Amino acid sequence: MSRIKYYYDPKTCKYERYVKSKWDVTLNVLGFLSLSSILAVGILLVFHYYFDSPKELILKRENKELNLYYELLEQEVAQLNTMMADLQERDDNLYRVIFESEPIPNSVRNAGYGGSDRFKDIKEKGLNQGKMIISVANKVETLKKQLYIQWESYNELSETALNKEEYWASIPAIQPIHNEELNRLASGYGIRLHPILKVKKMHTGIDFSAPKGTPIYSTGDGVVERVRTEFGGYGKSVVIDHGFGFKTRYAHMNDFNVKVGDKIKRGDKIGTVGNTGSSTAPHVHYEVIKDDKYVNPVNYFFKDLEPTEFDKILELASRENQSLS
């Protein structure tokens, strides 16, 4: 109950009851409402600053969960990158070595994916987590590209493996003449004294001395590419293309048993030992050519030699003596 107020009226010399005017009531109401509004706004500001609304609490909880999932996703991507690196390492240094394939260049494996505007839409939306999304997306796209390259690599190696039977039959793997006693190797691959010029020159093959007419055999499956007779140089020679980047040359022959285009097997007789061309004694000069480069033939005598025999052949081939051609 509101208090009744009185005031002293000097005219009547009495206490009169105080009656509020409408204007006073209006001012009081407005003042009360203003103060209430100010207090309400102040309370809301304080509450908003120190306390989260239900919607903000939900959003913060979702954001926290998103960050957690992002961290887990980053860990998964890191693990996948580690696994991919292991696969690439095995591919280049194990599988491709076994199948004699060139490693995939790092410039191909680590090439970028897409352009700078690949995630333009995400950038334009101005998402708070835009950088995070783009970071993960870039890593995933790079991983997808690496997986595709690895998939192509395994397809290539799978095809190579299917052709490996043909490969092992084609690769030069025996000595070109019978050499059971291991006493036919006269001069090895490398810098040797030329028998005619009497200067040290690169000897691009191995010389096997043998009597004239001794059979010469193909060291692997292939196709006869060249049958040539020269008055100097290699004299009578045969070149066989074995495929897979391998070719072999048999020089200073006496006669031929093959012609250009003949398909032959390892061990087939292709001619006989002679003393033609720039030769100082009956022998066969034998070369192995891999990808158009001369290589040491002694490294390919693994089909008809035991380990101890190979060691002996290796020691004989390493002697710096005079070649026969």
C-alpha atoms as a PDB file:
ATOM      1  CA  MET A   1       0.000   0.000   0.000  1.00  0.00           C
ATOM      2  CA  SER A   2       1.439   3.372  -1.014  1.00  0.00           C
ATOM      3  CA  ARG A   3       1.880   6.011   1.644  1.00  0.00           C
ATOM      4  CA  ILE A   4      -0.516   8.956   1.779  1.00  0.00           C
ATOM      5  CA  LYS A   5       1.357  12.259   1.652  1.00  0.00           C
ATOM      6  CA  TYR A   6       0.198  15.581   3.120  1.00  0.00           C
ATOM      7  CA  TYR A   7       1.411  19.161   2.769  1.00  0.00           C
ATOM      8  CA  TYR A   8       0.750  22.335   4.803  1.00  0.00           C
ATOM      9  CA  ASP A   9      -1.320  24.915   3.008  1.00  0.00           C
ATOM     10  CA  PRO A  10      -0.573  28.407   4.456  1.00  0.00           C
ATOM     11  CA  LYS A  11      -3.699  29.834   2.923  1.00  0.00           C
ATOM     12  CA  THR A  12      -6.030  27.529   4.787  1.00  0.00           C
ATOM     13  CA  CYS A  13      -3.578  26.880   7.650  1.00  0.00           C
ATOM     14  CA  LYS A  14      -4.360  23.204   7.244  1.00  0.00           C
ATOM     15  CA  TYR A  15      -2.612  20.035   6.120  1.00  0.00           C
ATOM     16  CA  GLU A  16      -3.981  19.040   2.763  1.00  0.00           C
ATOM     17  CA  ARG A  17      -3.670  15.667   1.129  1.00  0.00           C
ATOM     18  CA  TYR A  18      -1.066  15.636  -1.696  1.00  0.00           C
ATOM     19  CA  VAL A  19      -2.554  14.542  -5.033  1.00  0.00           C
ATOM     20  CA  LYS A  20      -0.171  13.741  -7.955  1.00  0.00           C
ATOM     21  CA  SER A  21      -0.866  15.308 -11.286  1.00  0.00           C
ATOM     22  CA  LYS A  22      -0.945  13.340 -14.515  1.00  0.00           C
ATOM     23  CA  TRP A  23       2.320  14.976 -15.568  1.00  0.00           C
ATOM     24  CA  ASP A  24       4.010  13.847 -12.367  1.00  0.00           C
ATOM     25  CA  VAL A  25       2.743  10.325 -12.874  1.00  0.00           C
ATOM     26  CA  THR A  26       3.973  10.369 -16.485  1.00  0.00           C
ATOM     27  CA  LEU A  27       7.430  11.608 -15.486  1.00  0.00           C
ATOM     28  CA  ASN A  28       7.706   8.998 -12.765  1.00  0.00           C
ATOM     29  CA  VAL A  29       6.717   6.228 -15.137  1.00  0.00           C
ATOM     30  CA  LEU A  30       9.160   7.434 -17.790  1.00  0.00           C
ATOM     31  CA  GLY A  31      11.948   7.714 -15.273  1.00  0.00           C
ATOM     32  CA  PHE A  32      11.265   4.235 -13.984  1.00  0.00           C
ATOM     33  CA  LEU A  33      11.171   2.799 -17.469  1.00  0.00           C
ATOM     34  CA  SER A  34      14.416   4.570 -18.447  1.00  0.00           C
ATOM     35  CA  LEU A  35      16.234   3.366 -15.368  1.00  0.00           C
ATOM     36  CA  SER A  36      14.906  -0.144 -15.900  1.00  0.00           C
ATOM     37  CA  SER A  37      16.027  -0.103 -19.540  1.00  0.00           C
ATOM     38  CA  ILE A  38      19.507   1.100 -18.611  1.00  0.00           C
ATOM     39  CA  LEU A  39      19.799  -1.531 -15.931  1.00  0.00           C
ATOM     40  CA  ALA A  40      18.495  -4.204 -18.309  1.00  0.00           C
ATOM     41  CA  VAL A  41      20.980  -3.245 -21.045  1.00  0.00           C
ATOM     42  CA  GLY A  42      23.800  -3.171 -18.510  1.00  0.00           C
ATOM     43  CA  ILE A  43      22.833  -6.581 -17.160  1.00  0.00           C
ATOM     44  CA  LEU A  44      22.590  -7.992 -20.714  1.00  0.00           C
ATOM     45  CA  LEU A  45      26.021  -6.606 -21.638  1.00  0.00           C
ATOM     46  CA  VAL A  46      27.604  -8.026 -18.507  1.00  0.00           C
ATOM     47  CA  PHE A  47      25.852 -11.351 -19.015  1.00  0.00           C
ATOM     48  CA  HIS A  48      26.850 -11.453 -22.688  1.00  0.00           C
ATOM     49  CA  TYR A  49      30.469 -10.648 -21.829  1.00  0.00           C
ATOM     50  CA  TYR A  50      30.858 -13.211 -19.074  1.00  0.00           C
ATOM     51  CA  PHE A  51      28.333 -15.845 -20.107  1.00  0.00           C
ATOM     52  CA  ASP A  52      27.537 -17.552 -23.430  1.00  0.00           C
ATOM     53  CA  SER A  53      24.097 -17.855 -24.866  1.00  0.00           C
ATOM     54  CA  PRO A  54      22.698 -21.346 -25.521  1.00  0.00           C
ATOM     55  CA  LYS A  55      23.315 -20.868 -29.262  1.00  0.00           C
ATOM     56  CA  GLU A  56      26.895 -19.732 -28.636  1.00  0.00           C
ATOM     57  CA  LEU A  57      27.451 -22.695 -26.362  1.00  0.00           C
ATOM     58  CA  ILE A  58      26.265 -25.028 -29.129  1.00  0.00           C
ATOM     59  CA  LEU A  59      28.450 -23.309 -31.726  1.00  0.00           C
ATOM     60  CA  LYS A  60      31.508 -23.403 -29.467  1.00  0.00           C
ATOM     61  CA  ARG A  61      30.958 -27.072 -28.747  1.00  0.00           C
ATOM     62  CA  GLU A  62      30.623 -27.786 -32.477  1.00  0.00           C
ATOM     63  CA  ASN A  63      33.751 -25.737 -33.200  1.00  0.00           C
ATOM     64  CA  LYS A  64      35.670 -27.665 -30.565  1.00  0.00           C
ATOM     65  CA  GLU A  65      34.520 -30.942 -32.101  1.00  0.00           C
ATOM     66  CA  LEU A  66      35.482 -29.705 -35.573  1.00  0.00           C
ATOM     67  CA  ASN A  67      38.975 -28.813 -34.343  1.00  0.00           C
ATOM     68  CA  LEU A  68      39.276 -32.265 -32.800  1.00  0.00           C
ATOM     69  CA  TYR A  69      38.175 -33.937 -36.030  1.00  0.00           C
ATOM     70  CA  TYR A  70      40.571 -31.695 -37.962  1.00  0.00           C
ATOM     71  CA  GLU A  71      43.475 -32.782 -35.766  1.00  0.00           C
ATOM     72  CA  LEU A  72      42.473 -36.429 -36.221  1.00  0.00           C
ATOM     73  CA  LEU A  73      42.227 -35.891 -39.971  1.00  0.00           C
ATOM     74  CA  GLU A  74      45.652 -34.261 -40.002  1.00  0.00           C
ATOM     75  CA  GLN A  75      47.054 -37.289 -38.181  1.00  0.00           C
ATOM     76  CA  GLU A  76      45.401 -39.641 -40.684  1.00  0.00           C
ATOM     77  CA  VAL A  77      46.815 -37.661 -43.615  1.00  0.00           C
ATOM     78  CA  ALA A  78      50.267 -37.690 -41.986  1.00  0.00           C
ATOM     79  CA  GLN A  79      50.074 -41.472 -41.541  1.00  0.00           C
ATOM     80  CA  LEU A  80      48.958 -41.885 -45.152  1.00  0.00           C
ATOM     81  CA  ASN A  81      51.866 -39.698 -46.304  1.00  0.00           C
ATOM     82  CA  THR A  82      54.252 -41.876 -44.290  1.00  0.00           C
ATOM     83  CA  MET A  83      52.788 -45.018 -45.862  1.00  0.00           C
ATOM     84  CA  MET A  84      52.992 -43.432 -49.311  1.00  0.00           C
ATOM     85  CA  ALA A  85      56.632 -42.472 -48.750  1.00  0.00           C
ATOM     86  CA  ASP A  86      57.371 -46.079 -47.772  1.00  0.00           C
ATOM     87  CA  LEU A  87      55.630 -47.370 -50.920  1.00  0.00           C
ATOM     88  CA  GLN A  88      57.591 -44.900 -53.057  1.00  0.00           C
ATOM     89  CA  GLU A  89      60.850 -45.930 -51.388  1.00  0.00           C
ATOM     90  CA  ARG A  90      60.131 -49.618 -52.017  1.00  0.00           C
ATOM     91  CA  ASP A  91      59.008 -48.874 -55.557  1.00  0.00           C
ATOM     92  CA  ASP A  92      62.151 -46.955 -56.518  1.00  0.00           C
ATOM     93  CA  ASN A  93      64.784 -48.878 -54.567  1.00  0.00           C
ATOM     94  CA  LEU A  94      63.417 -52.417 -54.551  1.00  0.00           C
ATOM     95  CA  TYR A  95      60.778 -53.276 -57.135  1.00  0.00           C
ATOM     96  CA  ARG A  96      62.217 -51.107 -59.903  1.00  0.00           C
ATOM     97  CA  VAL A  97      65.727 -52.344 -59.164  1.00  0.00           C
ATOM     98  CA  ILE A  98      64.546 -55.959 -59.419  1.00  0.00           C
ATOM     99  CA  PHE A  99      62.821 -55.290 -62.724  1.00  0.00           C
ATOM    100  CA  GLU A 100      65.566 -52.900 -63.922  1.00  0.00           C
ATOM    101  CA  SER A 101      63.184 -49.983 -64.409  1.00  0.00           C
ATOM    102  CA  GLU A 102      64.157 -46.351 -64.012  1.00  0.00           C
ATOM    103  CA  PRO A 103      62.957 -44.740 -60.741  1.00  0.00           C
ATOM    104  CA  ILE A 104      60.162 -42.200 -61.031  1.00  0.00           C
ATOM    105  CA  PRO A 105      61.697 -38.684 -60.735  1.00  0.00           C
ATOM    106  CA  ASN A 106      60.870 -36.733 -57.578  1.00  0.00           C
ATOM    107  CA  SER A 107      59.743 -33.848 -59.789  1.00  0.00           C
ATOM    108  CA  VAL A 108      56.920 -36.084 -61.038  1.00  0.00           C
ATOM    109  CA  ARG A 109      56.036 -37.601 -57.663  1.00  0.00           C
ATOM    110  CA  ASN A 110      55.989 -34.239 -55.840  1.00  0.00           C
ATOM    111  CA  ALA A 111      54.450 -32.090 -58.567  1.00  0.00           C
ATOM    112  CA  GLY A 112      51.745 -29.651 -57.514  1.00  0.00           C
ATOM    113  CA  TYR A 113      48.068 -30.307 -58.031  1.00  0.00           C
ATOM    114  CA  GLY A 114      45.865 -27.680 -59.651  1.00  0.00           C
ATOM    115  CA  GLY A 115      46.378 -23.925 -59.658  1.00  0.00           C
ATOM    116  CA  SER A 116      46.266 -21.096 -57.162  1.00  0.00           C
ATOM    117  CA  ASP A 117      42.498 -20.593 -57.823  1.00  0.00           C
ATOM    118  CA  ARG A 118      41.623 -24.225 -57.201  1.00  0.00           C
ATOM    119  CA  PHE A 119      39.918 -23.313 -53.902  1.00  0.00           C
ATOM    120  CA  LYS A 120      38.759 -19.864 -54.974  1.00  0.00           C
ATOM    121  CA  ASP A 121      35.152 -20.556 -53.921  1.00  0.00           C
ATOM    122  CA  ILE A 122      36.207 -21.361 -50.365  1.00  0.00           C
ATOM    123  CA  LYS A 123      38.294 -18.194 -50.169  1.00  0.00           C
ATOM    124  CA  GLU A 124      35.473 -16.029 -51.499  1.00  0.00           C
ATOM    125  CA  LYS A 125      33.006 -17.360 -48.923  1.00  0.00           C
ATOM    126  CA  GLY A 126      35.271 -16.006 -46.176  1.00  0.00           C
ATOM    127  CA  LEU A 127      34.780 -18.997 -43.927  1.00  0.00           C
ATOM    128  CA  ASN A 128      36.397 -18.732 -40.502  1.00  0.00           C
ATOM    129  CA  GLN A 129      37.971 -22.139 -40.987  1.00  0.00           C
ATOM    130  CA  GLY A 130      38.784 -21.508 -44.672  1.00  0.00           C
ATOM    131  CA  LYS A 131      42.562 -21.790 -44.260  1.00  0.00           C
ATOM    132  CA  MET A 132      42.171 -25.022 -42.337  1.00  0.00           C
ATOM    133  CA  ILE A 133      39.886 -26.487 -45.002  1.00  0.00           C
ATOM    134  CA  ILE A 134      42.207 -25.436 -47.849  1.00  0.00           C
ATOM    135  CA  SER A 135      45.242 -26.851 -46.022  1.00  0.00           C
ATOM    136  CA  VAL A 136      43.665 -30.283 -45.621  1.00  0.00           C
ATOM    137  CA  ALA A 137      42.195 -30.198 -49.136  1.00  0.00           C
ATOM    138  CA  ASN A 138      45.624 -29.443 -50.641  1.00  0.00           C
ATOM    139  CA  LYS A 139      47.206 -32.318 -48.751  1.00  0.00           C
ATOM    140  CA  VAL A 140      44.432 -34.695 -49.812  1.00  0.00           C
ATOM    141  CA  GLU A 141      44.704 -33.617 -53.455  1.00  0.00           C
ATOM    142  CA  THR A 142      48.493 -34.097 -53.403  1.00  0.00           C
ATOM    143  CA  LEU A 143      48.052 -37.520 -51.836  1.00  0.00           C
ATOM    144  CA  LYS A 144      45.489 -38.443 -54.504  1.00  0.00           C
ATOM    145  CA  LYS A 145      47.965 -37.484 -57.231  1.00  0.00           C
ATOM    146  CA  GLN A 146      50.739 -39.511 -55.602  1.00  0.00           C
ATOM    147  CA  LEU A 147      48.391 -42.486 -55.294  1.00  0.00           C
ATOM    148  CA  TYR A 148      47.537 -42.210 -58.983  1.00  0.00           C
ATOM    149  CA  ILE A 149      51.227 -42.092 -59.944  1.00  0.00           C
ATOM    150  CA  GLN A 150      51.933 -45.082 -57.693  1.00  0.00           C
ATOM    151  CA  TRP A 151      48.994 -46.964 -59.200  1.00  0.00           C
ATOM    152  CA  GLU A 152      50.377 -46.328 -62.700  1.00  0.00           C
ATOM    153  CA  SER A 153      53.808 -47.438 -61.517  1.00  0.00           C
ATOM    154  CA  TYR A 154      52.460 -50.727 -60.174  1.00  0.00           C
ATOM    155  CA  ASN A 155      50.574 -51.294 -63.436  1.00  0.00           C
ATOM    156  CA  GLU A 156      53.831 -50.801 -65.301  1.00  0.00           C
ATOM    157  CA  LEU A 157      55.713 -53.151 -62.968  1.00  0.00           C
ATOM    158  CA  SER A 158      52.898 -55.703 -63.198  1.00  0.00           C
ATOM    159  CA  GLU A 159      53.211 -55.697 -66.967  1.00  0.00           C
ATOM    160  CA  THR A 160      56.977 -55.973 -66.631  1.00  0.00           C
ATOM    161  CA  ALA A 161      56.597 -58.932 -64.277  1.00  0.00           C
ATOM    162  CA  LEU A 162      54.346 -60.707 -66.788  1.00  0.00           C
ATOM    163  CA  ASN A 163      57.032 -60.193 -69.423  1.00  0.00           C
ATOM    164  CA  LYS A 164      59.812 -61.233 -67.060  1.00  0.00           C
ATOM    165  CA  GLU A 165      59.943 -64.791 -68.379  1.00  0.00           C
ATOM    166  CA  GLU A 166      60.698 -63.377 -71.805  1.00  0.00           C
ATOM    167  CA  TYR A 167      63.112 -60.923 -70.197  1.00  0.00           C
ATOM    168  CA  TRP A 168      65.167 -63.593 -68.420  1.00  0.00           C
ATOM    169  CA  ALA A 169      65.283 -65.645 -71.611  1.00  0.00           C
ATOM    170  CA  SER A 170      66.415 -62.627 -73.631  1.00  0.00           C
ATOM    171  CA  ILE A 171      68.993 -61.060 -71.322  1.00  0.00           C
ATOM    172  CA  PRO A 172      72.599 -62.037 -72.218  1.00  0.00           C
ATOM    173  CA  ALA A 173      73.487 -64.527 -69.491  1.00  0.00           C
ATOM    174  CA  ILE A 174      76.127 -66.999 -70.729  1.00  0.00           C
ATOM    175  CA  GLN A 175      79.582 -66.914 -72.288  1.00  0.00           C
ATOM    176  CA  PRO A 176      79.638 -66.889 -76.097  1.00  0.00           C
ATOM    177  CA  ILE A 177      81.879 -69.980 -76.334  1.00  0.00           C
ATOM    178  CA  HIS A 178      82.361 -73.117 -74.254  1.00  0.00           C
ATOM    179  CA  ASN A 179      84.800 -72.225 -71.487  1.00  0.00           C
ATOM    180  CA  GLU A 180      84.488 -74.974 -68.906  1.00  0.00           C
ATOM    181  CA  GLU A 181      88.126 -74.680 -67.863  1.00  0.00           C
ATOM    182  CA  LEU A 182      87.835 -70.893 -67.570  1.00  0.00           C
ATOM    183  CA  ASN A 183      91.019 -70.458 -69.580  1.00  0.00           C
ATOM    184  CA  ARG A 184      89.612 -68.780 -72.687  1.00  0.00           C
ATOM    185  CA  LEU A 185      89.227 -65.249 -71.358  1.00  0.00           C
ATOM    186  CA  ALA A 186      92.170 -63.357 -72.826  1.00  0.00           C
ATOM    187  CA  SER A 187      91.325 -59.720 -72.173  1.00  0.00           C
ATOM    188  CA  GLY A 188      88.630 -57.950 -70.193  1.00  0.00           C
ATOM    189  CA  TYR A 189      86.548 -54.795 -70.412  1.00  0.00           C
ATOM    190  CA  GLY A 190      88.212 -51.444 -69.688  1.00  0.00           C
ATOM    191  CA  ILE A 191      91.402 -49.595 -70.558  1.00  0.00           C
ATOM    192  CA  ARG A 192      93.718 -52.064 -72.330  1.00  0.00           C
ATOM    193  CA  LEU A 193      96.817 -51.915 -74.528  1.00  0.00           C
ATOM    194  CA  HIS A 194      95.795 -52.019 -78.183  1.00  0.00           C
ATOM    195  CA  PRO A 195      97.676 -54.874 -79.938  1.00  0.00           C
ATOM    196  CA  ILE A 196      98.249 -52.906 -83.155  1.00  0.00           C
ATOM    197  CA  LEU A 197      98.431 -49.246 -82.096  1.00  0.00           C
ATOM    198  CA  LYS A 198     100.346 -50.103 -78.905  1.00  0.00           C
ATOM    199  CA  VAL A 199      98.536 -47.412 -76.920  1.00  0.00           C
ATOM    200  CA  LYS A 200      96.045 -47.761 -74.108  1.00  0.00           C
ATOM    201  CA  LYS A 201      92.481 -47.492 -75.331  1.00  0.00           C
ATOM    202  CA  MET A 202      89.035 -48.325 -74.071  1.00  0.00           C
ATOM    203  CA  HIS A 203      88.284 -51.983 -74.740  1.00  0.00           C
ATOM    204  CA  THR A 204      84.499 -52.140 -75.017  1.00  0.00           C
ATOM    205  CA  GLY A 205      84.147 -55.913 -74.699  1.00  0.00           C
ATOM    206  CA  ILE A 206      85.796 -59.163 -73.661  1.00  0.00           C
ATOM    207  CA  ASP A 207      88.133 -61.275 -75.831  1.00  0.00           C
ATOM    208  CA  PHE A 208      87.813 -65.070 -75.719  1.00  0.00           C
ATOM    209  CA  SER A 209      90.706 -66.832 -77.421  1.00  0.00           C
ATOM    210  CA  ALA A 210      89.878 -70.101 -79.166  1.00  0.00           C
ATOM    211  CA  PRO A 211      90.980 -72.110 -82.201  1.00  0.00           C
ATOM    212  CA  LYS A 212      89.640 -71.024 -85.544  1.00  0.00           C
ATOM    213  CA  GLY A 213      86.286 -72.699 -86.222  1.00  0.00           C
ATOM    214  CA  THR A 214      85.231 -72.944 -82.557  1.00  0.00           C
ATOM    215  CA  PRO A 215      81.414 -72.497 -82.335  1.00  0.00           C
ATOM    216  CA  ILE A 216      80.064 -69.164 -81.133  1.00  0.00           C
ATOM    217  CA  TYR A 217      76.678 -69.180 -79.388  1.00  0.00           C
ATOM    218  CA  SER A 218      74.040 -66.530 -78.826  1.00  0.00           C
ATOM    219  CA  THR A 219      74.010 -65.520 -75.166  1.00  0.00           C
ATOM    220  CA  GLY A 220      70.253 -64.804 -75.094  1.00  0.00           C
ATOM    221  CA  ASP A 221      67.053 -64.954 -77.130  1.00  0.00           C
ATOM    222  CA  GLY A 222      66.737 -62.281 -79.760  1.00  0.00           C
ATOM    223  CA  VAL A 223      66.626 -61.248 -83.396  1.00  0.00           C
ATOM    224  CA  VAL A 224      69.665 -60.881 -85.639  1.00  0.00           C
ATOM    225  CA  GLU A 225      69.943 -57.170 -86.364  1.00  0.00           C
ATOM    226  CA  ARG A 226      73.170 -57.009 -88.337  1.00  0.00           C
ATOM    227  CA  VAL A 227      75.510 -59.363 -90.181  1.00  0.00           C
ATOM    228  CA  ARG A 228      78.508 -57.431 -91.480  1.00  0.00           C
ATOM    229  CA  THR A 229      81.898 -58.036 -93.051  1.00  0.00           C
ATOM    230  CA  GLU A 230      84.641 -55.379 -92.723  1.00  0.00           C
ATOM    231  CA  PHE A 231      88.280 -55.581 -93.804  1.00  0.00           C
ATOM    232  CA  GLY A 232      89.313 -53.777 -90.629  1.00  0.00           C
ATOM    233  CA  GLY A 233      87.670 -53.062 -87.306  1.00  0.00           C
ATOM    234  CA  TYR A 234      85.311 -55.838 -86.205  1.00  0.00           C
ATOM    235  CA  GLY A 235      85.905 -57.945 -89.338  1.00  0.00           C
ATOM    236  CA  LYS A 236      83.031 -60.387 -89.661  1.00  0.00           C
ATOM    237  CA  SER A 237      80.523 -59.560 -86.933  1.00  0.00           C
ATOM    238  CA  VAL A 238      76.972 -60.245 -85.830  1.00  0.00           C
ATOM    239  CA  VAL A 239      74.747 -57.972 -83.750  1.00  0.00           C
ATOM    240  CA  ILE A 240      71.738 -59.469 -81.972  1.00  0.00           C
ATOM    241  CA  ASP A 241      68.909 -57.369 -80.562  1.00  0.00           C
ATOM    242  CA  HIS A 242      67.596 -59.068 -77.412  1.00  0.00           C
ATOM    243  CA  GLY A 243      64.959 -56.453 -76.606  1.00  0.00           C
ATOM    244  CA  PHE A 244      64.616 -54.721 -73.227  1.00  0.00           C
ATOM    245  CA  GLY A 245      67.451 -52.386 -74.251  1.00  0.00           C
ATOM    246  CA  PHE A 246      70.015 -55.207 -74.666  1.00  0.00           C
ATOM    247  CA  LYS A 247      72.179 -55.919 -77.720  1.00  0.00           C
ATOM    248  CA  THR A 248      75.246 -58.130 -78.120  1.00  0.00           C
ATOM    249  CA  ARG A 249      78.025 -58.053 -80.699  1.00  0.00           C
ATOM    250  CA  TYR A 250      80.240 -60.990 -81.739  1.00  0.00           C
ATOM    251  CA  ALA A 251      83.271 -59.853 -83.778  1.00  0.00           C
ATOM    252  CA  HIS A 252      86.264 -61.244 -85.747  1.00  0.00           C
ATOM    253  CA  MET A 253      84.229 -64.321 -86.753  1.00  0.00           C
ATOM    254  CA  ASN A 254      85.298 -66.787 -89.407  1.00  0.00           C
ATOM    255  CA  ASP A 255      81.832 -67.456 -90.838  1.00  0.00           C
ATOM    256  CA  PHE A 256      78.128 -66.977 -90.092  1.00  0.00           C
ATOM    257  CA  ASN A 257      75.296 -69.370 -89.356  1.00  0.00           C
ATOM    258  CA  VAL A 258      72.591 -66.673 -89.294  1.00  0.00           C
ATOM    259  CA  LYS A 259      71.187 -63.875 -91.417  1.00  0.00           C
ATOM    260  CA  VAL A 260      69.458 -60.608 -90.626  1.00  0.00           C
ATOM    261  CA  GLY A 261      65.964 -61.114 -89.208  1.00  0.00           C
ATOM    262  CA  ASP A 262      66.562 -64.617 -87.850  1.00  0.00           C
ATOM    263  CA  LYS A 263      64.913 -65.316 -84.490  1.00  0.00           C
ATOM    264  CA  ILE A 264      67.266 -67.260 -82.272  1.00  0.00           C
ATOM    265  CA  LYS A 265      67.355 -68.773 -78.796  1.00  0.00           C
ATOM    266  CA  ARG A 266      70.057 -68.656 -76.150  1.00  0.00           C
ATOM    267  CA  GLY A 267      72.679 -71.266 -77.005  1.00  0.00           C
ATOM    268  CA  ASP A 268      71.990 -71.297 -80.760  1.00  0.00           C
ATOM    269  CA  LYS A 269      75.136 -71.399 -82.885  1.00  0.00           C
ATOM    270  CA  ILE A 270      75.516 -68.143 -84.821  1.00  0.00           C
ATOM    271  CA  GLY A 271      78.978 -68.690 -86.345  1.00  0.00           C
ATOM    272  CA  THR A 272      82.553 -69.689 -85.597  1.00  0.00           C
ATOM    273  CA  VAL A 273      85.688 -68.093 -84.178  1.00  0.00           C
ATOM    274  CA  GLY A 274      87.961 -66.401 -86.694  1.00  0.00           C
ATOM    275  CA  ASN A 275      90.756 -63.872 -87.053  1.00  0.00           C
ATOM    276  CA  THR A 276      89.159 -61.254 -89.294  1.00  0.00           C
ATOM    277  CA  GLY A 277      89.381 -57.456 -89.140  1.00  0.00           C
ATOM    278  CA  SER A 278      91.778 -55.781 -86.688  1.00  0.00           C
ATOM    279  CA  SER A 279      92.688 -59.001 -84.912  1.00  0.00           C
ATOM    280  CA  THR A 280      96.044 -60.445 -83.915  1.00  0.00           C
ATOM    281  CA  ALA A 281      94.929 -64.018 -83.124  1.00  0.00           C
ATOM    282  CA  PRO A 282      91.853 -66.242 -83.469  1.00  0.00           C
ATOM    283  CA  HIS A 283      89.277 -65.093 -80.919  1.00  0.00           C
ATOM    284  CA  VAL A 284      85.784 -63.696 -80.494  1.00  0.00           C
ATOM    285  CA  HIS A 285      85.382 -60.141 -79.291  1.00  0.00           C
ATOM    286  CA  TYR A 286      82.138 -60.068 -77.305  1.00  0.00           C
ATOM    287  CA  GLU A 287      80.238 -56.894 -76.330  1.00  0.00           C
ATOM    288  CA  VAL A 288      77.083 -56.220 -74.319  1.00  0.00           C
ATOM    289  CA  ILE A 289      75.260 -52.986 -75.079  1.00  0.00           C
ATOM    290  CA  LYS A 290      72.549 -51.754 -72.677  1.00  0.00           C
ATOM    291  CA  ASP A 291      70.446 -48.748 -73.710  1.00  0.00           C
ATOM    292  CA  ASP A 292      73.037 -47.830 -76.370  1.00  0.00           C
ATOM    293  CA  LYS A 293      75.897 -47.858 -73.845  1.00  0.00           C
ATOM    294  CA  TYR A 294      78.685 -50.402 -73.543  1.00  0.00           C
ATOM    295  CA  VAL A 295      78.655 -52.314 -70.268  1.00  0.00           C
ATOM    296  CA  ASN A 296      81.001 -54.893 -68.782  1.00  0.00           C
ATOM    297  CA  PRO A 297      79.937 -58.304 -70.189  1.00  0.00           C
ATOM    298  CA  VAL A 298      81.475 -60.131 -67.228  1.00  0.00           C
ATOM    299  CA  ASN A 299      78.560 -58.955 -65.079  1.00  0.00           C
ATOM    300  CA  TYR A 300      76.180 -61.008 -67.234  1.00  0.00           C
ATOM    301  CA  PHE A 301      77.817 -64.445 -66.946  1.00  0.00           C
ATOM    302  CA  PHE A 302      75.461 -65.559 -64.182  1.00  0.00           C
ATOM    303  CA  LYS A 303      73.663 -68.341 -66.040  1.00  0.00           C
ATOM    304  CA  ASP A 304      76.536 -70.778 -66.581  1.00  0.00           C
ATOM    305  CA  LEU A 305      78.936 -70.005 -63.716  1.00  0.00           C
ATOM    306  CA  GLU A 306      79.062 -71.029 -60.076  1.00  0.00           C
ATOM    307  CA  PRO A 307      79.987 -68.296 -57.561  1.00  0.00           C
ATOM    308  CA  THR A 308      83.596 -69.502 -57.315  1.00  0.00           C
ATOM    309  CA  GLU A 309      83.860 -69.686 -61.101  1.00  0.00           C
ATOM    310  CA  PHE A 310      82.437 -66.208 -61.436  1.00  0.00           C
ATOM    311  CA  ASP A 311      85.035 -64.895 -58.974  1.00  0.00           C
ATOM    312  CA  LYS A 312      87.770 -66.410 -61.103  1.00  0.00           C
ATOM    313  CA  ILE A 313      86.376 -64.964 -64.325  1.00  0.00           C
ATOM    314  CA  LEU A 314      86.048 -61.587 -62.618  1.00  0.00           C
ATOM    315  CA  GLU A 315      89.697 -61.727 -61.535  1.00  0.00           C
ATOM    316  CA  LEU A 316      90.860 -62.691 -65.045  1.00  0.00           C
ATOM    317  CA  ALA A 317      88.785 -59.932 -66.666  1.00  0.00           C
ATOM    318  CA  SER A 318      90.225 -57.290 -64.338  1.00  0.00           C
ATOM    319  CA  ARG A 319      93.831 -57.859 -65.416  1.00  0.00           C
ATOM    320  CA  GLU A 320      95.206 -54.911 -67.391  1.00  0.00           C
ATOM    321  CA  ASN A 321      96.809 -56.785 -70.245  1.00  0.00           C
ATOM    322  CA  GLN A 322      96.847 -56.412 -74.008  1.00  0.00           C
ATOM    323  CA  SER A 323      93.649 -57.010 -75.896  1.00  0.00           C
ATOM    324  CA  LEU A 324      93.508 -59.180 -79.052  1.00  0.00           C
ATOM    325  CA  SER A 325      91.628 -56.549 -81.090  1.00  0.00           C
END
